[in-house]
Amino acid sequence: MKKEYDFSQAEQGKFYRPMEELEIPIYLDKEIKAFYSNKALIKNIDLNKVINTILRKEMEMLKAIGI
């Protein structure tokens, strides 16, 4: 590291975020996003709510069959 860097006023951990608070983006295929966006729009529901509901049901099914 170069000597001219001055960290004397630095604050350790200023930008640290615990993993629990970190939002990781999930990218949907265009076809899937378009399909569910349309369904959400028709029902006037947020797309995130639609996708989360589907994933919760999938999770319940997988648990039921022991996966």
N, C-alpha and C. Protein backbone atom coordinates (compact mmCIF):
# COMPACT_ATOMS: atom_id res chain seq x y z
N MET A 1 0.84 -1.17 0.00
CA MET A 1 0.00 0.00 0.00
C MET A 1 0.89 1.24 0.00
N LYS A 2 0.45 2.25 -0.69
CA LYS A 2 1.25 3.47 -0.80
C LYS A 2 1.26 4.24 0.52
N LYS A 3 2.37 4.92 0.78
CA LYS A 3 2.52 5.67 2.03
C LYS A 3 1.60 6.88 2.10
N GLU A 4 1.20 7.44 0.94
CA GLU A 4 0.38 8.65 0.95
C GLU A 4 -1.09 8.40 1.32
N TYR A 5 -1.51 7.14 1.44
CA TYR A 5 -2.86 6.86 1.90
C TYR A 5 -2.96 7.16 3.39
N ASP A 6 -3.96 7.96 3.75
CA ASP A 6 -4.13 8.35 5.15
C ASP A 6 -5.46 7.79 5.67
N PHE A 7 -5.34 6.82 6.54
CA PHE A 7 -6.52 6.21 7.13
C PHE A 7 -6.73 6.65 8.58
N SER A 8 -6.08 7.72 8.99
CA SER A 8 -6.16 8.14 10.38
C SER A 8 -7.59 8.56 10.78
N GLN A 9 -8.39 9.02 9.83
CA GLN A 9 -9.76 9.44 10.13
C GLN A 9 -10.79 8.39 9.69
N ALA A 10 -10.31 7.22 9.32
CA ALA A 10 -11.21 6.17 8.81
C ALA A 10 -12.07 5.60 9.93
N GLU A 11 -13.23 5.12 9.54
CA GLU A 11 -14.15 4.50 10.49
C GLU A 11 -14.27 3.02 10.10
N GLN A 12 -13.82 2.15 10.96
CA GLN A 12 -13.85 0.73 10.67
C GLN A 12 -15.27 0.20 10.67
N GLY A 13 -15.60 -0.58 9.64
CA GLY A 13 -16.91 -1.20 9.54
C GLY A 13 -18.03 -0.28 9.09
N LYS A 14 -17.71 0.88 8.55
CA LYS A 14 -18.73 1.86 8.17
C LYS A 14 -19.74 1.29 7.17
N PHE A 15 -19.28 0.49 6.23
CA PHE A 15 -20.16 -0.03 5.19
C PHE A 15 -20.49 -1.50 5.37
N TYR A 16 -20.16 -2.06 6.51
CA TYR A 16 -20.43 -3.47 6.78
C TYR A 16 -21.93 -3.70 6.96
N ARG A 17 -22.44 -4.75 6.34
CA ARG A 17 -23.83 -5.15 6.51
C ARG A 17 -23.85 -6.64 6.82
N PRO A 18 -24.50 -7.04 7.92
CA PRO A 18 -24.60 -8.47 8.22
C PRO A 18 -25.34 -9.20 7.09
N MET A 19 -25.03 -10.46 6.90
CA MET A 19 -25.65 -11.25 5.83
C MET A 19 -27.18 -11.26 5.95
N GLU A 20 -27.70 -11.18 7.17
CA GLU A 20 -29.15 -11.20 7.36
C GLU A 20 -29.82 -9.98 6.74
N GLU A 21 -29.10 -8.88 6.64
CA GLU A 21 -29.66 -7.65 6.09
C GLU A 21 -29.37 -7.48 4.60
N LEU A 22 -28.52 -8.32 4.05
CA LEU A 22 -28.11 -8.20 2.67
C LEU A 22 -29.19 -8.74 1.75
N GLU A 23 -29.69 -7.91 0.86
CA GLU A 23 -30.68 -8.33 -0.12
C GLU A 23 -29.97 -8.74 -1.39
N ILE A 24 -30.11 -10.00 -1.75
CA ILE A 24 -29.47 -10.52 -2.94
C ILE A 24 -30.49 -10.49 -4.07
N PRO A 25 -30.18 -9.84 -5.18
CA PRO A 25 -31.16 -9.80 -6.28
C PRO A 25 -31.32 -11.16 -6.93
N ILE A 26 -32.52 -11.45 -7.36
CA ILE A 26 -32.81 -12.67 -8.08
C ILE A 26 -33.31 -12.27 -9.46
N TYR A 27 -32.69 -12.81 -10.48
CA TYR A 27 -33.04 -12.46 -11.85
C TYR A 27 -33.88 -13.55 -12.48
N LEU A 28 -35.06 -13.16 -12.96
CA LEU A 28 -35.98 -14.10 -13.59
C LEU A 28 -35.77 -14.07 -15.10
N ASP A 29 -36.03 -15.20 -15.74
CA ASP A 29 -36.03 -15.22 -17.20
C ASP A 29 -37.12 -14.26 -17.67
N LYS A 30 -36.91 -13.68 -18.85
CA LYS A 30 -37.86 -12.69 -19.36
C LYS A 30 -39.26 -13.26 -19.50
N GLU A 31 -39.36 -14.50 -19.99
CA GLU A 31 -40.66 -15.13 -20.18
C GLU A 31 -41.39 -15.32 -18.86
N ILE A 32 -40.67 -15.77 -17.84
CA ILE A 32 -41.26 -15.98 -16.52
C ILE A 32 -41.68 -14.65 -15.91
N LYS A 33 -40.81 -13.66 -16.00
CA LYS A 33 -41.13 -12.35 -15.43
C LYS A 33 -42.35 -11.74 -16.12
N ALA A 34 -42.41 -11.85 -17.44
CA ALA A 34 -43.54 -11.29 -18.18
C ALA A 34 -44.85 -11.98 -17.78
N PHE A 35 -44.81 -13.30 -17.68
CA PHE A 35 -46.01 -14.07 -17.33
C PHE A 35 -46.53 -13.65 -15.95
N TYR A 36 -45.65 -13.68 -14.94
CA TYR A 36 -46.10 -13.38 -13.58
C TYR A 36 -46.36 -11.89 -13.37
N SER A 37 -45.66 -11.04 -14.10
CA SER A 37 -45.94 -9.60 -14.02
C SER A 37 -47.35 -9.32 -14.53
N ASN A 38 -47.72 -9.99 -15.60
CA ASN A 38 -49.06 -9.83 -16.16
C ASN A 38 -50.12 -10.29 -15.17
N LYS A 39 -49.89 -11.45 -14.55
CA LYS A 39 -50.84 -11.98 -13.56
C LYS A 39 -50.95 -11.03 -12.36
N ALA A 40 -49.82 -10.51 -11.91
CA ALA A 40 -49.82 -9.58 -10.78
C ALA A 40 -50.56 -8.29 -11.12
N LEU A 41 -50.35 -7.81 -12.34
CA LEU A 41 -51.02 -6.59 -12.79
C LEU A 41 -52.53 -6.77 -12.85
N ILE A 42 -52.96 -7.91 -13.38
CA ILE A 42 -54.40 -8.20 -13.47
C ILE A 42 -55.05 -8.22 -12.08
N LYS A 43 -54.35 -8.83 -11.13
CA LYS A 43 -54.89 -8.94 -9.76
C LYS A 43 -54.53 -7.74 -8.88
N ASN A 44 -53.76 -6.80 -9.44
CA ASN A 44 -53.31 -5.62 -8.70
C ASN A 44 -52.54 -6.01 -7.44
N ILE A 45 -51.59 -6.95 -7.62
CA ILE A 45 -50.75 -7.45 -6.53
C ILE A 45 -49.29 -7.18 -6.91
N ASP A 46 -48.47 -6.94 -5.92
CA ASP A 46 -47.04 -6.73 -6.14
C ASP A 46 -46.40 -8.01 -6.67
N LEU A 47 -45.53 -7.87 -7.67
CA LEU A 47 -44.86 -9.03 -8.27
C LEU A 47 -44.08 -9.82 -7.23
N ASN A 48 -43.43 -9.15 -6.29
CA ASN A 48 -42.68 -9.85 -5.25
C ASN A 48 -43.58 -10.76 -4.44
N LYS A 49 -44.78 -10.29 -4.15
CA LYS A 49 -45.72 -11.10 -3.37
C LYS A 49 -46.13 -12.35 -4.15
N VAL A 50 -46.36 -12.21 -5.45
CA VAL A 50 -46.74 -13.34 -6.29
C VAL A 50 -45.61 -14.38 -6.30
N ILE A 51 -44.39 -13.93 -6.58
CA ILE A 51 -43.25 -14.84 -6.67
C ILE A 51 -42.99 -15.52 -5.32
N ASN A 52 -43.04 -14.75 -4.23
CA ASN A 52 -42.82 -15.33 -2.90
C ASN A 52 -43.89 -16.36 -2.55
N THR A 53 -45.14 -16.11 -2.92
CA THR A 53 -46.22 -17.06 -2.66
C THR A 53 -45.97 -18.37 -3.41
N ILE A 54 -45.57 -18.26 -4.66
CA ILE A 54 -45.28 -19.46 -5.46
C ILE A 54 -44.12 -20.24 -4.85
N LEU A 55 -43.07 -19.54 -4.47
CA LEU A 55 -41.90 -20.21 -3.90
C LEU A 55 -42.22 -20.85 -2.54
N ARG A 56 -43.07 -20.21 -1.74
CA ARG A 56 -43.47 -20.80 -0.46
C ARG A 56 -44.23 -22.11 -0.67
N LYS A 57 -45.14 -22.10 -1.64
CA LYS A 57 -45.90 -23.32 -1.94
C LYS A 57 -44.97 -24.42 -2.43
N GLU A 58 -44.01 -24.08 -3.26
CA GLU A 58 -43.02 -25.04 -3.75
C GLU A 58 -42.20 -25.59 -2.57
N MET A 59 -41.84 -24.72 -1.66
CA MET A 59 -41.07 -25.14 -0.48
C MET A 59 -41.89 -26.11 0.36
N GLU A 60 -43.17 -25.83 0.55
CA GLU A 60 -44.04 -26.72 1.32
C GLU A 60 -44.16 -28.10 0.64
N MET A 61 -44.28 -28.11 -0.69
CA MET A 61 -44.38 -29.37 -1.42
C MET A 61 -43.10 -30.20 -1.28
N LEU A 62 -41.96 -29.54 -1.38
CA LEU A 62 -40.69 -30.25 -1.25
C LEU A 62 -40.51 -30.82 0.16
N LYS A 63 -40.93 -30.06 1.15
CA LYS A 63 -40.86 -30.56 2.54
C LYS A 63 -41.77 -31.76 2.73
N ALA A 64 -42.95 -31.71 2.11
CA ALA A 64 -43.93 -32.79 2.26
C ALA A 64 -43.42 -34.11 1.68
N ILE A 65 -42.61 -34.02 0.64
CA ILE A 65 -42.09 -35.25 0.04
C ILE A 65 -40.69 -35.59 0.55
N GLY A 66 -40.22 -34.81 1.52
CA GLY A 66 -38.96 -35.13 2.20
C GLY A 66 -37.71 -34.67 1.49
N ILE A 67 -37.80 -33.65 0.69
CA ILE A 67 -36.61 -33.12 0.02
C ILE A 67 -36.12 -31.88 0.74
